[in-house]
Amino acid sequence: MKFGGKLTQPDLKDVQKIVRSKMYWPKLLLANWYGLLLTCVVLWATVSGFMGYTKPNWRAVALIWLVLAGIFAWAIYRTKTGTVRALTQVNAILPDCVTLNNDGIQCDGPNGAKAFQPWRTFKQWREGRRVVLLEQSNGQRVILHVADLSEIERHTLRQLLQSCIPSTMTPGGQPDARQI
């Protein structure tokens, strides 16, 4: 089987979902607790002012909401530009073409560069909606773009990978706790 080596932005998001730990969102929220606290305080002051419980300085409240909106807009902008930058960096190091055969994986890079990794160097594989991530024992990863494959082709790929690499899924479809 032959796969293109470069990723699109939805492919990169799928890879990030696969490698992201379960504690990613709680850690992100706890790392930014002061921003959440400030937003909650301003929200409380605004709601209590609308309900008539307090008499806030509405100009100051509006200015604080404007500053908070600016911070959120800046954070979203930085995230989007960071994603584009990350995609460019990832695609610069990815091979142009990845070929799977019975012996292993052949990666064809730019200017005729080739690399071969036998199946025994891989410790596990994980499947997302758009990509399949193959993890090597040394920590490196090979990404297969499978978004364009039919379900029959995906099933054939799963069979090949299951016969060559242990999966992170148990036969019932649940993650294997020993490998996570």
Protein backbone atom coordinates (compact mmCIF):
# COMPACT_ATOMS: atom_id res chain seq x y z
CA MET A 1 0.00 0.00 0.00
CA LYS A 2 1.23 3.46 -0.87
CA PHE A 3 0.42 6.68 1.01
CA GLY A 4 1.22 10.35 0.53
CA GLY A 5 3.55 11.62 3.19
CA LYS A 6 2.40 15.22 3.64
CA LEU A 7 -0.40 16.26 5.98
CA THR A 8 -3.23 18.74 5.75
CA GLN A 9 -4.45 20.88 8.64
CA PRO A 10 -7.32 18.46 9.55
CA ASP A 11 -4.80 15.60 9.47
CA LEU A 12 -2.54 17.45 11.90
CA LYS A 13 -5.49 18.06 14.25
CA ASP A 14 -6.27 14.33 14.13
CA VAL A 15 -2.64 13.49 14.98
CA GLN A 16 -2.76 15.93 17.89
CA LYS A 17 -5.96 14.28 19.20
CA ILE A 18 -4.32 10.87 19.02
CA VAL A 19 -1.15 11.85 20.89
CA ARG A 20 -2.85 14.19 23.39
CA SER A 21 -3.09 12.75 26.89
CA LYS A 22 -6.38 12.39 28.75
CA MET A 23 -5.31 15.09 31.19
CA TYR A 24 -4.59 17.71 28.49
CA TRP A 25 -7.71 19.84 29.04
CA PRO A 26 -7.70 19.75 32.85
CA LYS A 27 -4.00 20.70 32.86
CA LEU A 28 -4.65 23.53 30.38
CA LEU A 29 -7.48 24.89 32.50
CA LEU A 30 -5.46 24.64 35.71
CA ALA A 31 -2.47 26.33 34.08
CA ASN A 32 -4.73 29.30 33.25
CA TRP A 33 -6.72 29.42 36.50
CA TYR A 34 -6.16 33.13 36.99
CA GLY A 35 -7.80 33.95 33.63
CA LEU A 36 -10.76 31.73 34.45
CA LEU A 37 -11.07 33.31 37.87
CA LEU A 38 -10.97 36.83 36.40
CA THR A 39 -13.60 35.92 33.81
CA CYS A 40 -15.86 34.42 36.48
CA VAL A 41 -15.54 37.51 38.69
CA VAL A 42 -16.36 39.86 35.82
CA LEU A 43 -19.27 37.63 34.77
CA TRP A 44 -20.59 37.61 38.34
CA ALA A 45 -20.29 41.42 38.57
CA THR A 46 -22.08 41.85 35.24
CA VAL A 47 -24.93 39.46 36.06
CA SER A 48 -25.40 40.87 39.56
CA GLY A 49 -25.47 44.38 38.08
CA PHE A 50 -28.13 43.41 35.53
CA MET A 51 -30.22 41.76 38.23
CA GLY A 52 -30.00 44.89 40.40
CA TYR A 53 -28.07 43.37 43.31
CA THR A 54 -25.10 45.71 42.83
CA LYS A 55 -24.47 49.06 41.17
CA PRO A 56 -21.30 48.50 39.11
CA ASN A 57 -19.49 51.15 37.12
CA TRP A 58 -20.80 50.08 33.71
CA ARG A 59 -18.02 51.84 31.78
CA ALA A 60 -15.39 49.93 33.75
CA VAL A 61 -17.26 46.64 33.31
CA ALA A 62 -17.55 47.27 29.55
CA LEU A 63 -13.83 48.13 29.36
CA ILE A 64 -12.93 44.92 31.23
CA TRP A 65 -15.12 42.87 28.86
CA LEU A 66 -13.44 44.59 25.91
CA VAL A 67 -9.99 43.72 27.28
CA LEU A 68 -11.06 40.10 27.91
CA ALA A 69 -12.46 39.85 24.36
CA GLY A 70 -9.17 41.20 23.02
CA ILE A 71 -7.18 38.64 25.01
CA PHE A 72 -9.39 35.79 23.75
CA ALA A 73 -9.11 37.03 20.15
CA TRP A 74 -5.32 37.29 20.48
CA ALA A 75 -5.14 33.75 21.93
CA ILE A 76 -7.22 32.34 19.06
CA TYR A 77 -5.07 34.17 16.51
CA ARG A 78 -1.85 32.88 18.09
CA THR A 79 -3.23 29.34 18.16
CA LYS A 80 -4.17 29.45 14.48
CA THR A 81 -0.82 30.88 13.40
CA GLY A 82 0.94 28.33 15.62
CA THR A 83 -1.00 25.51 13.95
CA VAL A 84 -0.02 26.74 10.48
CA ARG A 85 3.62 27.03 11.59
CA ALA A 86 3.51 23.54 13.14
CA LEU A 87 2.02 22.10 9.93
CA THR A 88 4.79 23.67 7.87
CA GLN A 89 7.46 22.29 10.21
CA VAL A 90 5.94 18.81 10.32
CA ASN A 91 5.55 18.62 6.54
CA ALA A 92 9.18 19.70 6.10
CA ILE A 93 10.42 16.58 7.91
CA LEU A 94 7.81 14.11 6.63
CA PRO A 95 8.62 11.87 3.65
CA ASP A 96 6.98 12.50 0.28
CA CYS A 97 5.68 8.95 0.05
CA VAL A 98 5.25 6.02 2.48
CA THR A 99 4.97 2.47 1.15
CA LEU A 100 3.91 -0.51 3.28
CA ASN A 101 5.00 -4.00 2.30
CA ASN A 102 5.39 -7.37 4.02
CA ASP A 103 8.90 -6.58 5.32
CA GLY A 104 8.32 -3.09 6.70
CA ILE A 105 7.84 0.53 5.71
CA GLN A 106 9.69 2.34 2.92
CA CYS A 107 9.80 6.14 3.22
CA ASP A 108 10.74 8.14 0.12
CA GLY A 109 11.94 11.64 0.86
CA PRO A 110 12.89 14.59 -1.28
CA ASN A 111 15.84 14.36 -3.72
CA GLY A 112 15.59 10.57 -3.89
CA ALA A 113 16.32 9.93 -0.20
CA LYS A 114 14.98 6.59 1.03
CA ALA A 115 14.60 5.00 4.45
CA PHE A 116 13.39 1.55 5.42
CA GLN A 117 12.06 0.49 8.81
CA PRO A 118 11.29 -3.19 9.40
CA TRP A 119 8.08 -4.04 11.27
CA ARG A 120 9.99 -5.17 14.36
CA THR A 121 11.02 -1.55 15.06
CA PHE A 122 7.38 -0.57 15.66
CA LYS A 123 5.79 -1.06 19.06
CA GLN A 124 2.18 0.01 18.42
CA TRP A 125 -0.24 1.74 16.10
CA ARG A 126 -3.28 3.95 16.67
CA GLU A 127 -6.02 4.94 14.28
CA GLY A 128 -7.81 8.27 14.06
CA ARG A 129 -10.45 9.50 11.65
CA ARG A 130 -7.98 10.81 9.08
CA VAL A 131 -4.62 9.25 9.98
CA VAL A 132 -2.98 6.13 11.33
CA LEU A 133 -0.05 6.73 13.67
CA LEU A 134 2.69 4.10 13.82
CA GLU A 135 4.99 4.43 16.84
CA GLN A 136 8.51 3.06 16.84
CA SER A 137 10.34 1.76 19.88
CA ASN A 138 12.78 4.70 19.72
CA GLY A 139 9.93 7.24 20.02
CA GLN A 140 9.74 8.25 16.36
CA ARG A 141 6.43 8.12 14.54
CA VAL A 142 5.25 7.40 11.02
CA ILE A 143 1.97 9.01 9.96
CA LEU A 144 -0.23 7.44 7.30
CA HIS A 145 -2.84 9.69 5.64
CA VAL A 146 -5.91 7.43 5.35
CA ALA A 147 -8.73 9.98 4.97
CA ASP A 148 -9.17 9.15 1.27
CA LEU A 149 -9.31 5.38 1.78
CA SER A 150 -12.58 3.47 1.53
CA GLU A 151 -13.71 1.36 4.47
CA ILE A 152 -12.61 -1.80 2.64
CA GLU A 153 -9.11 -0.37 2.11
CA ARG A 154 -8.97 0.69 5.77
CA HIS A 155 -9.98 -2.81 6.82
CA THR A 156 -7.16 -4.26 4.70
CA LEU A 157 -4.73 -1.79 6.28
CA ARG A 158 -5.93 -2.72 9.79
CA GLN A 159 -5.41 -6.41 9.03
CA LEU A 160 -1.86 -5.74 7.78
CA LEU A 161 -1.02 -3.64 10.84
CA GLN A 162 -2.57 -6.13 13.26
CA SER A 163 -0.49 -8.92 11.76
CA CYS A 164 2.74 -6.89 11.95
CA ILE A 165 2.39 -4.52 14.95
CA PRO A 166 0.57 -4.89 18.26
CA SER A 167 -2.40 -2.52 18.55
CA THR A 168 -3.31 -0.27 21.47
CA MET A 169 -6.83 -1.68 21.28
CA THR A 170 -8.09 -4.90 22.80
CA PRO A 171 -10.31 -7.17 20.70
CA GLY A 172 -13.40 -5.52 22.25
CA GLY A 173 -12.32 -2.13 20.88
CA GLN A 174 -11.26 -0.72 24.28
CA PRO A 175 -7.78 0.74 24.88
CA ASP A 176 -5.35 -1.71 26.43
CA ALA A 177 -4.41 -0.23 29.83
CA ARG A 178 -0.97 -1.88 29.73
CA GLN A 179 0.03 0.09 26.61
CA ILE A 180 -1.37 3.51 27.51
